Amino acid sequence: MVGYLFAGQGSQYIGMGKDLYESFPESKSIFDEADKVLGFSISRLCFYGPIEELTKTANCQPAIVTASIAAWEAFKKVTKTQIHHDTSYTAGLSLGQYSALVASEVMTFADTVYLARCRGEFMEEEAAKRPGKMLSVIGLELSKIKEICAETNIEIANLNCPGQIVISGPAEGVIKAQELAMAKGAKMAVLLEVSGAFHSSLMQGASVKLAKELEKIRISPPKMTLVSNVTGKPISSPEEIRVNLINQIAQSVLWEDSIRYMLGSGMKKFYEFGPGKVLKGLMRRIDPEAVVVNIDKKADLDSVGSM
């Protein structure tokens, strides 16, 4: 049994996917298709930046999906991987859920990268209308964070791993929450460099807009077990997946629950696709004995070899 994990927003870097593009026709095809669908060169932005443009939510989201699926396609080619529903599981951290949809053949890559662009644009629009911030709290138990949220009128955005919780909401509430978290004994309380209060009710308008775009998209049942980070459990029907994507923007990301479900189902090994090693780092906090292999660059695939 094996789990396939896909990176979320925040793991981007200049040059991501470039050596895959140059080394694998399958990866090049993904970048070329993304450029065509989006109407501009997302590949050039990934490869050469500037980082200020790449980091913008509307660009970053389709860029990470593109780089992640370029890595996925190269991996399948190199390892001759066959997807088996009973033994293959997939999940993605927030935005990474979109890459997981492609891997499990729920949506085409073209539709998915288009939706990722729309999602990013809608989130930026809502952030401009309803400004907010996000705060990562390290080393404080959930019960105390819930107390802080109730006192400051903010919300839990991400339950990533033991000891790391992200909260989100109006800027003044988040700043107050930062003070309270440190006063209550948090090891760290760090403001995230994001453009808005993602995964909070301030993003509800983006959910409504995305719902209209999803009406145009064909959604199929997944070819492998797809674990939702909204519920922390598998989802399978097209309508359930559609509702999940709508709700995801303004609801908490239950990443730790998602991973624990996969571990409880017998996962022994995981592959992380896309830029960075964020998910591997979170896994160390959830289950240090789990094996995570990163697939980001050609060298990663050279070391994997044939399965």
C-alpha atoms as a PDB file:
ATOM      1  CA  MET A   1       0.000   0.000   0.000  1.00  0.00           C
ATOM      2  CA  VAL A   2       1.299   3.410  -0.935  1.00  0.00           C
ATOM      3  CA  GLY A   3       0.197   7.015  -0.457  1.00  0.00           C
ATOM      4  CA  TYR A   4       0.716   9.835  -2.947  1.00  0.00           C
ATOM      5  CA  LEU A   5       0.830  13.323  -1.411  1.00  0.00           C
ATOM      6  CA  PHE A   6       0.773  16.678  -3.202  1.00  0.00           C
ATOM      7  CA  ALA A   7       2.271  19.999  -2.117  1.00  0.00           C
ATOM      8  CA  GLY A   8       0.263  23.072  -1.201  1.00  0.00           C
ATOM      9  CA  GLN A   9       0.763  26.802  -1.582  1.00  0.00           C
ATOM     10  CA  GLY A  10       3.869  28.238   0.058  1.00  0.00           C
ATOM     11  CA  SER A  11       6.349  25.639  -1.205  1.00  0.00           C
ATOM     12  CA  GLN A  12       7.078  27.442  -4.485  1.00  0.00           C
ATOM     13  CA  TYR A  13      10.581  28.469  -5.573  1.00  0.00           C
ATOM     14  CA  ILE A  14      12.187  29.858  -8.719  1.00  0.00           C
ATOM     15  CA  GLY A  15      13.267  27.037 -11.021  1.00  0.00           C
ATOM     16  CA  MET A  16      10.680  24.508  -9.883  1.00  0.00           C
ATOM     17  CA  GLY A  17       9.993  21.911 -12.547  1.00  0.00           C
ATOM     18  CA  LYS A  18      12.676  23.187 -14.930  1.00  0.00           C
ATOM     19  CA  ASP A  19      14.887  20.093 -14.981  1.00  0.00           C
ATOM     20  CA  LEU A  20      11.810  17.859 -15.289  1.00  0.00           C
ATOM     21  CA  TYR A  21      10.678  19.963 -18.266  1.00  0.00           C
ATOM     22  CA  GLU A  22      14.085  19.539 -19.872  1.00  0.00           C
ATOM     23  CA  SER A  23      14.409  15.818 -19.082  1.00  0.00           C
ATOM     24  CA  PHE A  24      10.964  14.251 -19.591  1.00  0.00           C
ATOM     25  CA  PRO A  25       8.608  14.768 -22.556  1.00  0.00           C
ATOM     26  CA  GLU A  26       5.710  13.937 -20.230  1.00  0.00           C
ATOM     27  CA  SER A  27       6.622  16.835 -17.931  1.00  0.00           C
ATOM     28  CA  LYS A  28       7.209  19.218 -20.824  1.00  0.00           C
ATOM     29  CA  SER A  29       3.761  18.364 -22.140  1.00  0.00           C
ATOM     30  CA  ILE A  30       2.198  19.339 -18.806  1.00  0.00           C
ATOM     31  CA  PHE A  31       3.918  22.728 -18.722  1.00  0.00           C
ATOM     32  CA  ASP A  32       3.069  23.371 -22.376  1.00  0.00           C
ATOM     33  CA  GLU A  33      -0.572  22.501 -21.759  1.00  0.00           C
ATOM     34  CA  ALA A  34      -0.709  24.808 -18.734  1.00  0.00           C
ATOM     35  CA  ASP A  35       0.692  27.686 -20.817  1.00  0.00           C
ATOM     36  CA  LYS A  36      -1.988  27.083 -23.449  1.00  0.00           C
ATOM     37  CA  VAL A  37      -4.890  26.786 -20.994  1.00  0.00           C
ATOM     38  CA  LEU A  38      -3.901  29.835 -18.938  1.00  0.00           C
ATOM     39  CA  GLY A  39      -3.031  32.038 -21.892  1.00  0.00           C
ATOM     40  CA  PHE A  40       0.373  33.049 -20.546  1.00  0.00           C
ATOM     41  CA  SER A  41       3.680  31.328 -19.814  1.00  0.00           C
ATOM     42  CA  ILE A  42       3.310  29.870 -16.352  1.00  0.00           C
ATOM     43  CA  SER A  43       6.348  27.737 -17.242  1.00  0.00           C
ATOM     44  CA  ARG A  44       8.551  30.822 -17.638  1.00  0.00           C
ATOM     45  CA  LEU A  45       7.259  32.163 -14.334  1.00  0.00           C
ATOM     46  CA  CYS A  46       8.086  28.859 -12.607  1.00  0.00           C
ATOM     47  CA  PHE A  47      11.542  28.634 -14.157  1.00  0.00           C
ATOM     48  CA  TYR A  48      12.710  32.256 -14.009  1.00  0.00           C
ATOM     49  CA  GLY A  49      10.360  34.255 -11.777  1.00  0.00           C
ATOM     50  CA  PRO A  50      10.397  36.930 -10.530  1.00  0.00           C
ATOM     51  CA  ILE A  51       9.521  35.500  -7.131  1.00  0.00           C
ATOM     52  CA  GLU A  52       7.176  38.425  -6.392  1.00  0.00           C
ATOM     53  CA  GLU A  53       4.995  37.402  -9.339  1.00  0.00           C
ATOM     54  CA  LEU A  54       5.254  33.675  -8.682  1.00  0.00           C
ATOM     55  CA  THR A  55       4.191  34.148  -5.049  1.00  0.00           C
ATOM     56  CA  LYS A  56       0.966  35.967  -5.957  1.00  0.00           C
ATOM     57  CA  THR A  57      -1.901  33.621  -5.114  1.00  0.00           C
ATOM     58  CA  ALA A  58      -3.443  33.736  -8.594  1.00  0.00           C
ATOM     59  CA  ASN A  59      -0.118  32.653 -10.132  1.00  0.00           C
ATOM     60  CA  CYS A  60       1.198  30.450  -7.363  1.00  0.00           C
ATOM     61  CA  GLN A  61      -1.769  28.089  -7.286  1.00  0.00           C
ATOM     62  CA  PRO A  62      -1.730  27.022 -10.968  1.00  0.00           C
ATOM     63  CA  ALA A  63       2.089  27.028 -10.879  1.00  0.00           C
ATOM     64  CA  ILE A  64       2.282  24.527  -8.027  1.00  0.00           C
ATOM     65  CA  VAL A  65      -0.373  22.293  -9.591  1.00  0.00           C
ATOM     66  CA  THR A  66       1.591  22.338 -12.858  1.00  0.00           C
ATOM     67  CA  ALA A  67       4.934  21.546 -11.223  1.00  0.00           C
ATOM     68  CA  SER A  68       3.355  18.813  -9.098  1.00  0.00           C
ATOM     69  CA  ILE A  69       1.689  17.058 -12.017  1.00  0.00           C
ATOM     70  CA  ALA A  70       4.850  17.399 -14.107  1.00  0.00           C
ATOM     71  CA  ALA A  71       6.619  15.475 -11.323  1.00  0.00           C
ATOM     72  CA  TRP A  72       3.768  12.951 -11.133  1.00  0.00           C
ATOM     73  CA  GLU A  73       3.850  12.229 -14.863  1.00  0.00           C
ATOM     74  CA  ALA A  74       7.628  11.798 -14.845  1.00  0.00           C
ATOM     75  CA  PHE A  75       7.350   9.485 -11.825  1.00  0.00           C
ATOM     76  CA  LYS A  76       4.799   7.284 -13.569  1.00  0.00           C
ATOM     77  CA  LYS A  77       7.032   7.068 -16.618  1.00  0.00           C
ATOM     78  CA  VAL A  78      10.196   6.195 -14.694  1.00  0.00           C
ATOM     79  CA  THR A  79       8.624   3.735 -12.252  1.00  0.00           C
ATOM     80  CA  LYS A  80       5.993   2.278 -14.604  1.00  0.00           C
ATOM     81  CA  THR A  81       3.545   2.847 -11.759  1.00  0.00           C
ATOM     82  CA  GLN A  82       0.073   1.396 -12.107  1.00  0.00           C
ATOM     83  CA  ILE A  83      -2.713   2.876 -10.011  1.00  0.00           C
ATOM     84  CA  HIS A  84      -4.745   0.342  -8.041  1.00  0.00           C
ATOM     85  CA  HIS A  85      -7.786   1.634  -6.158  1.00  0.00           C
ATOM     86  CA  ASP A  86      -7.496  -0.870  -3.314  1.00  0.00           C
ATOM     87  CA  THR A  87      -3.828  -0.187  -2.581  1.00  0.00           C
ATOM     88  CA  SER A  88      -3.233   3.409  -3.759  1.00  0.00           C
ATOM     89  CA  TYR A  89      -4.284   6.439  -1.725  1.00  0.00           C
ATOM     90  CA  THR A  90      -3.844  10.129  -2.472  1.00  0.00           C
ATOM     91  CA  ALA A  91      -4.267  13.470  -0.696  1.00  0.00           C
ATOM     92  CA  GLY A  92      -3.049  17.037  -1.065  1.00  0.00           C
ATOM     93  CA  LEU A  93      -2.480  19.844   1.409  1.00  0.00           C
ATOM     94  CA  SER A  94      -5.125  22.512   0.698  1.00  0.00           C
ATOM     95  CA  LEU A  95      -4.314  23.507  -2.912  1.00  0.00           C
ATOM     96  CA  GLY A  96      -2.564  20.141  -3.247  1.00  0.00           C
ATOM     97  CA  GLN A  97      -6.002  18.520  -3.286  1.00  0.00           C
ATOM     98  CA  TYR A  98      -6.290  19.739  -6.885  1.00  0.00           C
ATOM     99  CA  SER A  99      -3.152  17.861  -7.909  1.00  0.00           C
ATOM    100  CA  ALA A 100      -4.519  14.796  -6.133  1.00  0.00           C
ATOM    101  CA  LEU A 101      -7.665  15.096  -8.264  1.00  0.00           C
ATOM    102  CA  VAL A 102      -5.573  14.907 -11.418  1.00  0.00           C
ATOM    103  CA  ALA A 103      -3.563  11.944 -10.130  1.00  0.00           C
ATOM    104  CA  SER A 104      -6.749  10.031  -9.296  1.00  0.00           C
ATOM    105  CA  GLU A 105      -8.253  10.968 -12.694  1.00  0.00           C
ATOM    106  CA  VAL A 106     -11.181  12.868 -11.196  1.00  0.00           C
ATOM    107  CA  MET A 107     -10.574  15.842 -13.503  1.00  0.00           C
ATOM    108  CA  THR A 108      -8.373  16.495 -16.498  1.00  0.00           C
ATOM    109  CA  PHE A 109      -5.199  18.469 -15.957  1.00  0.00           C
ATOM    110  CA  ALA A 110      -6.493  21.220 -18.258  1.00  0.00           C
ATOM    111  CA  ASP A 111      -9.676  21.690 -16.214  1.00  0.00           C
ATOM    112  CA  THR A 112      -7.761  21.494 -12.951  1.00  0.00           C
ATOM    113  CA  VAL A 113      -5.095  24.073 -13.754  1.00  0.00           C
ATOM    114  CA  TYR A 114      -7.862  26.380 -15.010  1.00  0.00           C
ATOM    115  CA  LEU A 115      -9.741  25.943 -11.721  1.00  0.00           C
ATOM    116  CA  ALA A 116      -6.562  26.518  -9.718  1.00  0.00           C
ATOM    117  CA  ARG A 117      -6.090  29.844 -11.498  1.00  0.00           C
ATOM    118  CA  CYS A 118      -9.727  30.794 -10.834  1.00  0.00           C
ATOM    119  CA  ARG A 119      -9.411  29.742  -7.194  1.00  0.00           C
ATOM    120  CA  GLY A 120      -6.331  31.912  -6.735  1.00  0.00           C
ATOM    121  CA  GLU A 121      -7.961  34.905  -8.406  1.00  0.00           C
ATOM    122  CA  PHE A 122     -11.130  34.566  -6.336  1.00  0.00           C
ATOM    123  CA  MET A 123      -9.137  34.296  -3.099  1.00  0.00           C
ATOM    124  CA  GLU A 124      -7.132  37.410  -3.984  1.00  0.00           C
ATOM    125  CA  GLU A 125     -10.334  39.307  -4.744  1.00  0.00           C
ATOM    126  CA  GLU A 126     -11.872  38.369  -1.402  1.00  0.00           C
ATOM    127  CA  ALA A 127      -8.642  39.224   0.428  1.00  0.00           C
ATOM    128  CA  ALA A 128      -8.763  42.715  -1.081  1.00  0.00           C
ATOM    129  CA  LYS A 129     -12.396  43.191  -0.054  1.00  0.00           C
ATOM    130  CA  ARG A 130     -12.139  41.561   3.388  1.00  0.00           C
ATOM    131  CA  PRO A 131      -8.527  41.899   4.587  1.00  0.00           C
ATOM    132  CA  GLY A 132      -7.170  39.368   7.021  1.00  0.00           C
ATOM    133  CA  LYS A 133      -4.111  37.484   8.213  1.00  0.00           C
ATOM    134  CA  MET A 134      -2.986  33.983   9.149  1.00  0.00           C
ATOM    135  CA  LEU A 135      -0.936  32.952  12.182  1.00  0.00           C
ATOM    136  CA  SER A 136       1.026  29.751  12.749  1.00  0.00           C
ATOM    137  CA  VAL A 137       1.058  28.724  16.396  1.00  0.00           C
ATOM    138  CA  ILE A 138       3.684  26.245  17.577  1.00  0.00           C
ATOM    139  CA  GLY A 139       3.595  24.349  20.846  1.00  0.00           C
ATOM    140  CA  LEU A 140       0.134  25.211  22.171  1.00  0.00           C
ATOM    141  CA  GLU A 141      -2.624  22.658  22.729  1.00  0.00           C
ATOM    142  CA  LEU A 142      -5.798  22.816  20.661  1.00  0.00           C
ATOM    143  CA  SER A 143      -8.050  23.602  23.627  1.00  0.00           C
ATOM    144  CA  LYS A 144      -6.154  26.825  24.362  1.00  0.00           C
ATOM    145  CA  ILE A 145      -6.181  27.814  20.694  1.00  0.00           C
ATOM    146  CA  LYS A 146      -9.944  27.328  20.601  1.00  0.00           C
ATOM    147  CA  GLU A 147     -10.213  29.652  23.593  1.00  0.00           C
ATOM    148  CA  ILE A 148      -8.106  32.245  21.783  1.00  0.00           C
ATOM    149  CA  CYS A 149     -10.235  31.954  18.646  1.00  0.00           C
ATOM    150  CA  ALA A 150     -13.426  32.461  20.641  1.00  0.00           C
ATOM    151  CA  GLU A 151     -11.982  35.541  22.353  1.00  0.00           C
ATOM    152  CA  THR A 152     -10.657  37.171  19.162  1.00  0.00           C
ATOM    153  CA  ASN A 153     -13.359  36.076  16.676  1.00  0.00           C
ATOM    154  CA  ILE A 154     -10.952  34.190  14.409  1.00  0.00           C
ATOM    155  CA  GLU A 155     -10.945  30.618  13.130  1.00  0.00           C
ATOM    156  CA  ILE A 156      -8.769  27.526  12.915  1.00  0.00           C
ATOM    157  CA  ALA A 157      -7.460  27.264   9.348  1.00  0.00           C
ATOM    158  CA  ASN A 158      -5.050  24.298   9.399  1.00  0.00           C
ATOM    159  CA  LEU A 159      -4.558  21.365  11.731  1.00  0.00           C
ATOM    160  CA  ASN A 160      -1.292  20.285  10.131  1.00  0.00           C
ATOM    161  CA  CYS A 161       0.459  18.121  12.694  1.00  0.00           C
ATOM    162  CA  PRO A 162       0.882  17.764  16.463  1.00  0.00           C
ATOM    163  CA  GLY A 163       1.976  21.084  17.905  1.00  0.00           C
ATOM    164  CA  GLN A 164       1.342  23.163  14.767  1.00  0.00           C
ATOM    165  CA  ILE A 165      -1.956  24.913  14.177  1.00  0.00           C
ATOM    166  CA  VAL A 166      -2.714  27.807  11.824  1.00  0.00           C
ATOM    167  CA  ILE A 167      -5.452  30.311  12.657  1.00  0.00           C
ATOM    168  CA  SER A 168      -7.044  32.845  10.330  1.00  0.00           C
ATOM    169  CA  GLY A 169      -9.329  35.862  10.365  1.00  0.00           C
ATOM    170  CA  PRO A 170      -9.547  39.670  10.463  1.00  0.00           C
ATOM    171  CA  ALA A 171      -6.147  41.316  10.892  1.00  0.00           C
ATOM    172  CA  GLU A 172      -6.839  42.929  14.264  1.00  0.00           C
ATOM    173  CA  GLY A 173      -8.111  39.644  15.680  1.00  0.00           C
ATOM    174  CA  VAL A 174      -5.077  37.716  14.462  1.00  0.00           C
ATOM    175  CA  ILE A 175      -2.666  40.272  15.959  1.00  0.00           C
ATOM    176  CA  LYS A 176      -4.483  39.997  19.292  1.00  0.00           C
ATOM    177  CA  ALA A 177      -4.399  36.187  18.998  1.00  0.00           C
ATOM    178  CA  GLN A 178      -0.635  36.319  18.490  1.00  0.00           C
ATOM    179  CA  GLU A 179      -0.240  38.161  21.807  1.00  0.00           C
ATOM    180  CA  LEU A 180      -2.576  35.773  23.608  1.00  0.00           C
ATOM    181  CA  ALA A 181      -0.868  32.674  22.204  1.00  0.00           C
ATOM    182  CA  MET A 182       2.501  33.754  23.533  1.00  0.00           C
ATOM    183  CA  ALA A 183       0.972  34.708  26.871  1.00  0.00           C
ATOM    184  CA  LYS A 184      -0.612  31.243  27.148  1.00  0.00           C
ATOM    185  CA  GLY A 185       2.707  29.481  26.577  1.00  0.00           C
ATOM    186  CA  ALA A 186       3.129  28.978  22.821  1.00  0.00           C
ATOM    187  CA  LYS A 187       6.714  28.350  21.716  1.00  0.00           C
ATOM    188  CA  MET A 188       6.171  30.479  18.613  1.00  0.00           C
ATOM    189  CA  ALA A 189       3.362  32.473  17.008  1.00  0.00           C
ATOM    190  CA  VAL A 190       4.388  33.614  13.543  1.00  0.00           C
ATOM    191  CA  LEU A 191       2.386  35.663  11.043  1.00  0.00           C
ATOM    192  CA  LEU A 192       2.361  33.976   7.633  1.00  0.00           C
ATOM    193  CA  GLU A 193       3.273  35.874   4.481  1.00  0.00           C
ATOM    194  CA  VAL A 194      -0.019  35.353   2.682  1.00  0.00           C
ATOM    195  CA  SER A 195      -2.354  37.863   1.102  1.00  0.00           C
ATOM    196  CA  GLY A 196      -5.478  37.065   3.112  1.00  0.00           C
ATOM    197  CA  ALA A 197      -7.341  35.040   5.725  1.00  0.00           C
ATOM    198  CA  PHE A 198      -7.480  31.776   3.805  1.00  0.00           C
ATOM    199  CA  HIS A 199      -9.557  28.868   5.124  1.00  0.00           C
ATOM    200  CA  SER A 200     -11.796  31.198   7.106  1.00  0.00           C
ATOM    201  CA  SER A 201     -15.292  32.597   6.622  1.00  0.00           C
ATOM    202  CA  LEU A 202     -13.737  35.733   5.084  1.00  0.00           C
ATOM    203  CA  MET A 203     -13.218  33.566   1.974  1.00  0.00           C
ATOM    204  CA  GLN A 204     -16.900  32.649   1.616  1.00  0.00           C
ATOM    205  CA  GLY A 205     -17.292  34.870  -1.435  1.00  0.00           C
ATOM    206  CA  ALA A 206     -14.530  32.939  -3.197  1.00  0.00           C
ATOM    207  CA  SER A 207     -16.389  29.687  -2.488  1.00  0.00           C
ATOM    208  CA  VAL A 208     -19.519  31.064  -4.154  1.00  0.00           C
ATOM    209  CA  LYS A 209     -17.561  32.115  -7.250  1.00  0.00           C
ATOM    210  CA  LEU A 210     -15.760  28.783  -7.478  1.00  0.00           C
ATOM    211  CA  ALA A 211     -19.083  26.934  -7.283  1.00  0.00           C
ATOM    212  CA  LYS A 212     -20.160  28.631 -10.521  1.00  0.00           C
ATOM    213  CA  GLU A 213     -16.948  27.596 -12.277  1.00  0.00           C
ATOM    214  CA  LEU A 214     -17.303  24.015 -11.051  1.00  0.00           C
ATOM    215  CA  GLU A 215     -20.675  23.785 -12.798  1.00  0.00           C
ATOM    216  CA  LYS A 216     -18.745  23.768 -16.090  1.00  0.00           C
ATOM    217  CA  ILE A 217     -16.336  20.983 -15.111  1.00  0.00           C
ATOM    218  CA  ARG A 218     -16.765  17.252 -15.579  1.00  0.00           C
ATOM    219  CA  ILE A 219     -15.945  15.321 -12.398  1.00  0.00           C
ATOM    220  CA  SER A 220     -15.448  11.551 -12.407  1.00  0.00           C
ATOM    221  CA  PRO A 221     -15.179   9.016  -9.557  1.00  0.00           C
ATOM    222  CA  PRO A 222     -11.546   8.658  -8.407  1.00  0.00           C
ATOM    223  CA  LYS A 223      -9.429   5.773  -9.711  1.00  0.00           C
ATOM    224  CA  MET A 224      -7.718   5.469  -6.310  1.00  0.00           C
ATOM    225  CA  THR A 225      -8.806   6.279  -2.774  1.00  0.00           C
ATOM    226  CA  LEU A 226      -8.998  10.063  -2.486  1.00  0.00           C
ATOM    227  CA  VAL A 227      -8.728  11.440   1.056  1.00  0.00           C
ATOM    228  CA  SER A 228     -10.287  14.859   1.617  1.00  0.00           C
ATOM    229  CA  ASN A 229      -8.528  17.430   3.761  1.00  0.00           C
ATOM    230  CA  VAL A 230     -11.915  18.976   4.587  1.00  0.00           C
ATOM    231  CA  THR A 231     -13.196  15.796   6.262  1.00  0.00           C
ATOM    232  CA  GLY A 232     -10.005  13.786   6.824  1.00  0.00           C
ATOM    233  CA  LYS A 233     -11.768  10.823   5.176  1.00  0.00           C
ATOM    234  CA  PRO A 234     -12.202   9.372   1.678  1.00  0.00           C
ATOM    235  CA  ILE A 235     -14.608  10.962  -0.773  1.00  0.00           C
ATOM    236  CA  SER A 236     -15.740   9.201  -3.917  1.00  0.00           C
ATOM    237  CA  SER A 237     -18.890  10.527  -5.601  1.00  0.00           C
ATOM    238  CA  PRO A 238     -18.544  13.395  -8.112  1.00  0.00           C
ATOM    239  CA  GLU A 239     -21.097  15.500  -6.216  1.00  0.00           C
ATOM    240  CA  GLU A 240     -19.293  14.932  -2.915  1.00  0.00           C
ATOM    241  CA  ILE A 241     -16.020  16.020  -4.541  1.00  0.00           C
ATOM    242  CA  ARG A 242     -17.654  19.125  -6.005  1.00  0.00           C
ATOM    243  CA  VAL A 243     -19.101  20.203  -2.643  1.00  0.00           C
ATOM    244  CA  ASN A 244     -15.760  19.465  -0.984  1.00  0.00           C
ATOM    245  CA  LEU A 245     -13.921  21.820  -3.341  1.00  0.00           C
ATOM    246  CA  ILE A 246     -16.469  24.568  -2.736  1.00  0.00           C
ATOM    247  CA  ASN A 247     -16.274  24.241   1.036  1.00  0.00           C
ATOM    248  CA  GLN A 248     -12.495  23.833   1.174  1.00  0.00           C
ATOM    249  CA  ILE A 249     -11.682  27.510   0.557  1.00  0.00           C
ATOM    250  CA  ALA A 250     -13.469  28.744   3.691  1.00  0.00           C
ATOM    251  CA  GLN A 251     -13.108  25.713   6.002  1.00  0.00           C
ATOM    252  CA  SER A 252     -10.313  24.188   8.067  1.00  0.00           C
ATOM    253  CA  VAL A 253      -7.691  21.920   6.477  1.00  0.00           C
ATOM    254  CA  LEU A 254      -7.601  18.656   8.447  1.00  0.00           C
ATOM    255  CA  TRP A 255      -4.198  17.484   7.248  1.00  0.00           C
ATOM    256  CA  GLU A 256      -3.225  15.548  10.349  1.00  0.00           C
ATOM    257  CA  ASP A 257      -6.565  13.709  10.271  1.00  0.00           C
ATOM    258  CA  SER A 258      -6.063  12.903   6.588  1.00  0.00           C
ATOM    259  CA  ILE A 259      -2.625  11.443   7.188  1.00  0.00           C
ATOM    260  CA  ARG A 260      -3.733   9.477  10.238  1.00  0.00           C
ATOM    261  CA  TYR A 261      -6.530   7.952   8.190  1.00  0.00           C
ATOM    262  CA  MET A 262      -4.029   6.810   5.572  1.00  0.00           C
ATOM    263  CA  LEU A 263      -1.646   5.457   8.206  1.00  0.00           C
ATOM    264  CA  GLY A 264      -4.535   3.611   9.837  1.00  0.00           C
ATOM    265  CA  SER A 265      -5.420   2.089   6.478  1.00  0.00           C
ATOM    266  CA  GLY A 266      -2.009   0.448   6.243  1.00  0.00           C
ATOM    267  CA  MET A 267       0.160   3.005   4.487  1.00  0.00           C
ATOM    268  CA  LYS A 268       3.829   2.205   4.948  1.00  0.00           C
ATOM    269  CA  LYS A 269       5.344   4.488   2.329  1.00  0.00           C
ATOM    270  CA  PHE A 270       4.469   7.850   0.843  1.00  0.00           C
ATOM    271  CA  TYR A 271       5.663   9.876  -2.136  1.00  0.00           C
ATOM    272  CA  GLU A 272       5.475  13.670  -1.971  1.00  0.00           C
ATOM    273  CA  PHE A 273       5.101  15.427  -5.331  1.00  0.00           C
ATOM    274  CA  GLY A 274       5.785  19.064  -6.081  1.00  0.00           C
ATOM    275  CA  PRO A 275       8.143  21.745  -4.813  1.00  0.00           C
ATOM    276  CA  GLY A 276       9.702  21.590  -1.381  1.00  0.00           C
ATOM    277  CA  LYS A 277       9.559  19.084   1.470  1.00  0.00           C
ATOM    278  CA  VAL A 278       6.812  20.563   3.634  1.00  0.00           C
ATOM    279  CA  LEU A 279       4.729  17.398   3.764  1.00  0.00           C
ATOM    280  CA  LYS A 280       7.727  15.267   4.688  1.00  0.00           C
ATOM    281  CA  GLY A 281       8.396  17.635   7.561  1.00  0.00           C
ATOM    282  CA  LEU A 282       4.801  17.427   8.770  1.00  0.00           C
ATOM    283  CA  MET A 283       4.916  13.624   8.541  1.00  0.00           C
ATOM    284  CA  ARG A 284       7.890  13.534  10.912  1.00  0.00           C
ATOM    285  CA  ARG A 285       5.678  15.195  13.518  1.00  0.00           C
ATOM    286  CA  ILE A 286       2.706  12.889  12.839  1.00  0.00           C
ATOM    287  CA  ASP A 287       4.544   9.559  12.534  1.00  0.00           C
ATOM    288  CA  PRO A 288       8.352   9.586  12.544  1.00  0.00           C
ATOM    289  CA  GLU A 289       8.438   5.965  11.342  1.00  0.00           C
ATOM    290  CA  ALA A 290       6.575   6.686   8.089  1.00  0.00           C
ATOM    291  CA  VAL A 291       8.755   6.857   4.968  1.00  0.00           C
ATOM    292  CA  VAL A 292       8.286   9.835   2.648  1.00  0.00           C
ATOM    293  CA  VAL A 293      10.163  10.091  -0.653  1.00  0.00           C
ATOM    294  CA  ASN A 294      10.201  13.527  -2.308  1.00  0.00           C
ATOM    295  CA  ILE A 295       9.675  13.759  -6.069  1.00  0.00           C
ATOM    296  CA  ASP A 296      10.554  17.297  -7.087  1.00  0.00           C
ATOM    297  CA  LYS A 297      13.580  17.107  -9.395  1.00  0.00           C
ATOM    298  CA  LYS A 298      15.184  14.752 -11.907  1.00  0.00           C
ATOM    299  CA  ALA A 299      17.715  13.612  -9.295  1.00  0.00           C
ATOM    300  CA  ASP A 300      14.828  12.383  -7.135  1.00  0.00           C
ATOM    301  CA  LEU A 301      13.631  10.179  -9.972  1.00  0.00           C
ATOM    302  CA  ASP A 302      17.126   8.953 -10.718  1.00  0.00           C
ATOM    303  CA  SER A 303      17.341   7.656  -7.150  1.00  0.00           C
ATOM    304  CA  VAL A 304      13.886   6.078  -7.190  1.00  0.00           C
ATOM    305  CA  GLY A 305      14.519   3.957 -10.265  1.00  0.00           C
ATOM    306  CA  SER A 306      12.106   1.214 -11.252  1.00  0.00           C
ATOM    307  CA  MET A 307       9.679   0.046  -8.571  1.00  0.00           C
END
